[in-house]
Amino acid sequence: RHRIHLWYERHDEAFRLSRMGESPEDGTAELLLEDFTYAWDGQEYANAIQALGEKTVAALRSSGRKRDELVAQQMKQAWDSCDLHTILVALSDGGVLAAFVAYRLLADNLAQVVCFAVEKEFQGLGLFRHMMDVLAQRLCGQGFTELIVPFAGESLKVEQMFDDVAPIALSKTISISLEHWRNDGDAGYGPDDFA
C-alpha cells in the first residue's frame, strides 16, 4: 500500500495535467507572442534578474530541508555565474520581468542553459516552453546543434516537456529517503552481497 501511495505521489502532477485536457502550452503560442516581449541582453534587467534569483533561493531555504538547501546552493552558484549578455528575458505588457533563461555558448556547436526562472504569477502559462522554442530557434540560426538543459529541485517537473524532442539524459540528481529505503526498499540484500 505504501508503494502505491508513493507512486501516486510521484505521478500526481502528470495526472493533474492530464485531467485538464489540453496542455497549457497548446494553442497559447500566439497569446504569448502578444502578451510578452523578449530581449536578448539582460544587462538592463540585472536588478530584476537578481531579485528573482534571490526570491527563488530564499523560498528553497525556507523549507528547512537539507536537500532544498543543497539545491539552493547549486542554484545560487549557477545564478552567480550568469553572463547577462547571453540571456533571454521575457517581459510582460508593462515591461516587467516575467522570466529568463540564461545560457552559455560552448565549443563544437554546443550551448548550455545555465539557469532559468519564471515569476510565480506567470507560471503555468507555457511561457518557459515558448522561451525554449525562441532560444532554440535563435541558436539554430547561429549554427548551434545541441542544447544542454540542467534540472534541479522543482524544475525536474518540467523535464517531461522535452519528451517530444527525444532528449538524451546526461545526468539527473535524485534524493532518496533512507527511511523508506530501509523500511520498504530492501530487496533482501545483505552487506556481504556487495563485498
Protein backbone atom coordinates (compact mmCIF):
# COMPACT_ATOMS: atom_id res chain seq x y z
CA ARG A 1 0.00 0.00 0.00
CA HIS A 2 2.87 2.35 0.86
CA ARG A 3 4.49 1.79 -2.55
CA ILE A 4 1.20 2.53 -4.32
CA HIS A 5 0.87 5.79 -2.37
CA LEU A 6 4.45 6.73 -3.27
CA TRP A 7 3.77 6.01 -6.95
CA TYR A 8 0.66 8.21 -6.94
CA GLU A 9 2.54 10.94 -5.12
CA ARG A 10 5.31 10.90 -7.75
CA HIS A 11 2.88 10.96 -10.68
CA ASP A 12 0.28 13.33 -9.21
CA GLU A 13 1.38 16.31 -11.32
CA ALA A 14 1.04 14.33 -14.56
CA PHE A 15 -2.43 13.13 -13.52
CA ARG A 16 -3.47 16.68 -12.69
CA LEU A 17 -2.31 17.95 -16.09
CA SER A 18 -3.99 15.09 -17.95
CA ARG A 19 -7.30 15.87 -16.20
CA MET A 20 -7.04 19.42 -17.51
CA GLY A 21 -7.29 18.04 -21.05
CA GLU A 22 -5.35 20.31 -23.34
CA SER A 23 -1.86 21.01 -22.04
CA PRO A 24 -1.17 24.64 -21.02
CA GLU A 25 1.17 25.15 -23.98
CA ASP A 26 -1.34 24.05 -26.64
CA GLY A 27 -2.72 26.96 -28.58
CA THR A 28 -1.10 29.60 -26.38
CA ALA A 29 1.90 30.44 -28.57
CA GLU A 30 0.04 33.29 -30.31
CA LEU A 31 -1.16 34.68 -26.97
CA LEU A 32 2.35 34.50 -25.55
CA LEU A 33 3.69 36.35 -28.58
CA GLU A 34 1.11 39.09 -27.99
CA ASP A 35 1.45 39.31 -24.20
CA PHE A 36 5.22 39.12 -23.84
CA THR A 37 8.20 40.74 -25.48
CA TYR A 38 11.69 39.29 -25.48
CA ALA A 39 15.12 40.82 -25.01
CA TRP A 40 18.48 39.17 -25.63
CA ASP A 41 20.65 41.22 -23.31
CA GLY A 42 19.87 41.07 -19.60
CA GLN A 43 22.10 43.98 -18.59
CA GLU A 44 19.14 46.38 -18.43
CA TYR A 45 17.21 43.89 -16.25
CA ALA A 46 20.10 42.85 -13.98
CA ASN A 47 18.38 44.02 -10.77
CA ALA A 48 15.11 42.21 -11.59
CA ILE A 49 17.01 39.04 -12.52
CA GLN A 50 18.98 39.23 -9.26
CA ALA A 51 15.77 39.76 -7.27
CA LEU A 52 14.06 36.77 -8.92
CA GLY A 53 17.12 34.63 -8.17
CA GLU A 54 17.22 35.68 -4.53
CA LYS A 55 13.48 35.05 -4.17
CA THR A 56 13.81 31.54 -5.64
CA VAL A 57 16.78 30.64 -3.46
CA ALA A 58 15.10 32.09 -0.34
CA ALA A 59 11.95 30.02 -0.99
CA LEU A 60 14.02 26.85 -1.11
CA ARG A 61 15.96 27.72 2.03
CA SER A 62 12.78 28.49 3.97
CA SER A 63 11.60 24.88 3.68
CA GLY A 64 14.12 23.85 6.33
CA ARG A 65 15.00 20.64 4.45
CA LYS A 66 18.69 19.95 3.93
CA ARG A 67 18.18 18.74 0.36
CA ASP A 68 16.46 22.04 -0.51
CA GLU A 69 19.42 23.89 0.99
CA LEU A 70 21.75 21.89 -1.28
CA VAL A 71 19.63 22.72 -4.35
CA ALA A 72 19.55 26.37 -3.23
CA GLN A 73 23.36 26.43 -3.08
CA GLN A 74 23.61 24.93 -6.57
CA MET A 75 21.10 27.45 -7.90
CA LYS A 76 22.94 30.35 -6.27
CA GLN A 77 26.21 29.24 -7.88
CA ALA A 78 24.51 28.96 -11.28
CA TRP A 79 22.89 32.37 -10.95
CA ASP A 80 26.15 33.97 -9.82
CA SER A 81 27.86 32.60 -12.94
CA CYS A 82 25.28 34.08 -15.35
CA ASP A 83 26.58 36.24 -18.16
CA LEU A 84 23.94 38.90 -18.65
CA HIS A 85 24.87 39.16 -22.34
CA THR A 86 23.74 35.60 -23.10
CA ILE A 87 20.31 35.63 -21.58
CA LEU A 88 16.79 35.57 -22.95
CA VAL A 89 14.42 37.77 -20.98
CA ALA A 90 10.61 37.69 -21.22
CA LEU A 91 8.82 40.92 -20.32
CA SER A 92 5.12 41.32 -19.55
CA ASP A 93 2.94 44.02 -21.14
CA GLY A 94 4.11 46.57 -18.60
CA GLY A 95 7.79 45.82 -19.26
CA VAL A 96 8.11 43.84 -16.02
CA LEU A 97 10.45 40.84 -15.96
CA ALA A 98 8.33 37.69 -16.24
CA ALA A 99 11.03 35.06 -16.85
CA PHE A 100 14.53 34.49 -18.10
CA VAL A 101 16.74 31.75 -19.49
CA ALA A 102 20.50 32.24 -19.08
CA TYR A 103 22.75 30.19 -21.34
CA ARG A 104 26.37 29.86 -22.41
CA LEU A 105 27.89 29.08 -25.77
CA LEU A 106 30.38 26.22 -25.73
CA ALA A 107 32.68 24.73 -28.35
CA ASP A 108 31.61 22.27 -31.06
CA ASN A 109 28.22 23.89 -31.75
CA LEU A 110 27.07 23.18 -28.21
CA ALA A 111 25.11 25.52 -25.93
CA GLN A 112 24.09 25.02 -22.31
CA VAL A 113 21.33 26.53 -20.21
CA VAL A 114 22.92 27.83 -17.02
CA CYS A 115 19.73 28.66 -15.12
CA PHE A 116 16.16 29.78 -15.66
CA ALA A 117 13.21 31.09 -13.70
CA VAL A 118 9.63 32.19 -14.21
CA GLU A 119 7.95 34.62 -11.82
CA LYS A 120 5.23 32.84 -9.85
CA GLU A 121 2.37 34.84 -11.36
CA PHE A 122 3.41 33.78 -14.88
CA GLN A 123 3.91 30.07 -14.16
CA GLY A 124 1.60 27.56 -15.82
CA LEU A 125 1.06 29.64 -18.97
CA GLY A 126 3.55 27.73 -21.11
CA LEU A 127 5.92 30.71 -21.06
CA PHE A 128 9.02 28.63 -20.28
CA ARG A 129 8.22 26.27 -23.16
CA HIS A 130 7.76 29.19 -25.52
CA MET A 131 11.04 30.74 -24.37
CA MET A 132 12.83 27.46 -25.05
CA ASP A 133 11.34 27.47 -28.57
CA VAL A 134 12.55 31.04 -29.10
CA LEU A 135 16.02 30.18 -27.75
CA ALA A 136 16.29 27.01 -29.84
CA GLN A 137 15.34 28.91 -32.98
CA ARG A 138 17.98 31.57 -32.35
CA LEU A 139 20.70 29.03 -31.53
CA CYS A 140 19.90 27.01 -34.67
CA GLY A 141 20.19 30.20 -36.71
CA GLN A 142 23.66 30.73 -35.23
CA GLY A 143 24.76 27.22 -36.20
CA PHE A 144 24.42 25.51 -32.82
CA THR A 145 23.23 21.92 -32.98
CA GLU A 146 22.77 20.87 -29.35
CA LEU A 147 21.43 22.44 -26.15
CA ILE A 148 22.07 21.01 -22.69
CA VAL A 149 19.41 21.82 -20.06
CA PRO A 150 20.08 21.03 -16.37
CA PHE A 151 17.28 20.42 -13.88
CA ALA A 152 17.26 20.74 -10.10
CA GLY A 153 14.63 20.88 -7.43
CA GLU A 154 11.16 21.88 -8.66
CA SER A 155 12.41 22.28 -12.24
CA LEU A 156 12.55 18.47 -12.52
CA LYS A 157 8.77 18.66 -13.06
CA VAL A 158 9.22 20.43 -16.42
CA GLU A 159 11.69 17.84 -17.70
CA GLN A 160 8.84 15.92 -19.35
CA MET A 161 8.22 18.99 -21.52
CA PHE A 162 11.13 17.83 -23.67
CA ASP A 163 9.81 14.28 -24.25
CA ASP A 164 8.63 15.08 -27.78
CA VAL A 165 12.15 16.06 -28.90
CA ALA A 166 13.75 12.79 -27.70
CA PRO A 167 16.22 14.17 -25.14
CA ILE A 168 19.27 12.16 -24.13
CA ALA A 169 19.79 12.04 -20.36
CA LEU A 170 23.26 13.22 -19.37
CA SER A 171 22.69 13.39 -15.64
CA LYS A 172 19.93 13.69 -13.10
CA THR A 173 20.27 14.09 -9.37
CA ILE A 174 17.79 12.40 -7.07
CA SER A 175 17.12 12.38 -3.35
CA ILE A 176 16.39 9.06 -1.64
CA SER A 177 14.63 8.74 1.68
CA LEU A 178 16.85 6.37 3.63
CA GLU A 179 13.96 5.63 5.96
CA HIS A 180 11.82 4.46 3.03
CA TRP A 181 14.79 2.58 1.62
CA ARG A 182 15.36 0.81 4.94
CA ASN A 183 11.68 0.03 5.53
CA ASP A 184 10.30 -0.54 2.04
CA GLY A 185 13.08 -0.65 -0.50
CA ASP A 186 15.09 -3.51 0.95
CA ALA A 187 15.24 -6.24 -1.66
CA GLY A 188 16.71 -8.75 0.79
CA TYR A 189 20.35 -7.88 0.10
CA GLY A 190 22.85 -8.00 2.90
CA PRO A 191 26.20 -6.23 3.28
CA ASP A 192 28.00 -9.39 2.09
CA ASP A 193 26.21 -9.22 -1.26
CA PHE A 194 28.28 -6.16 -2.19
CA ALA A 195 31.64 -7.23 -0.74
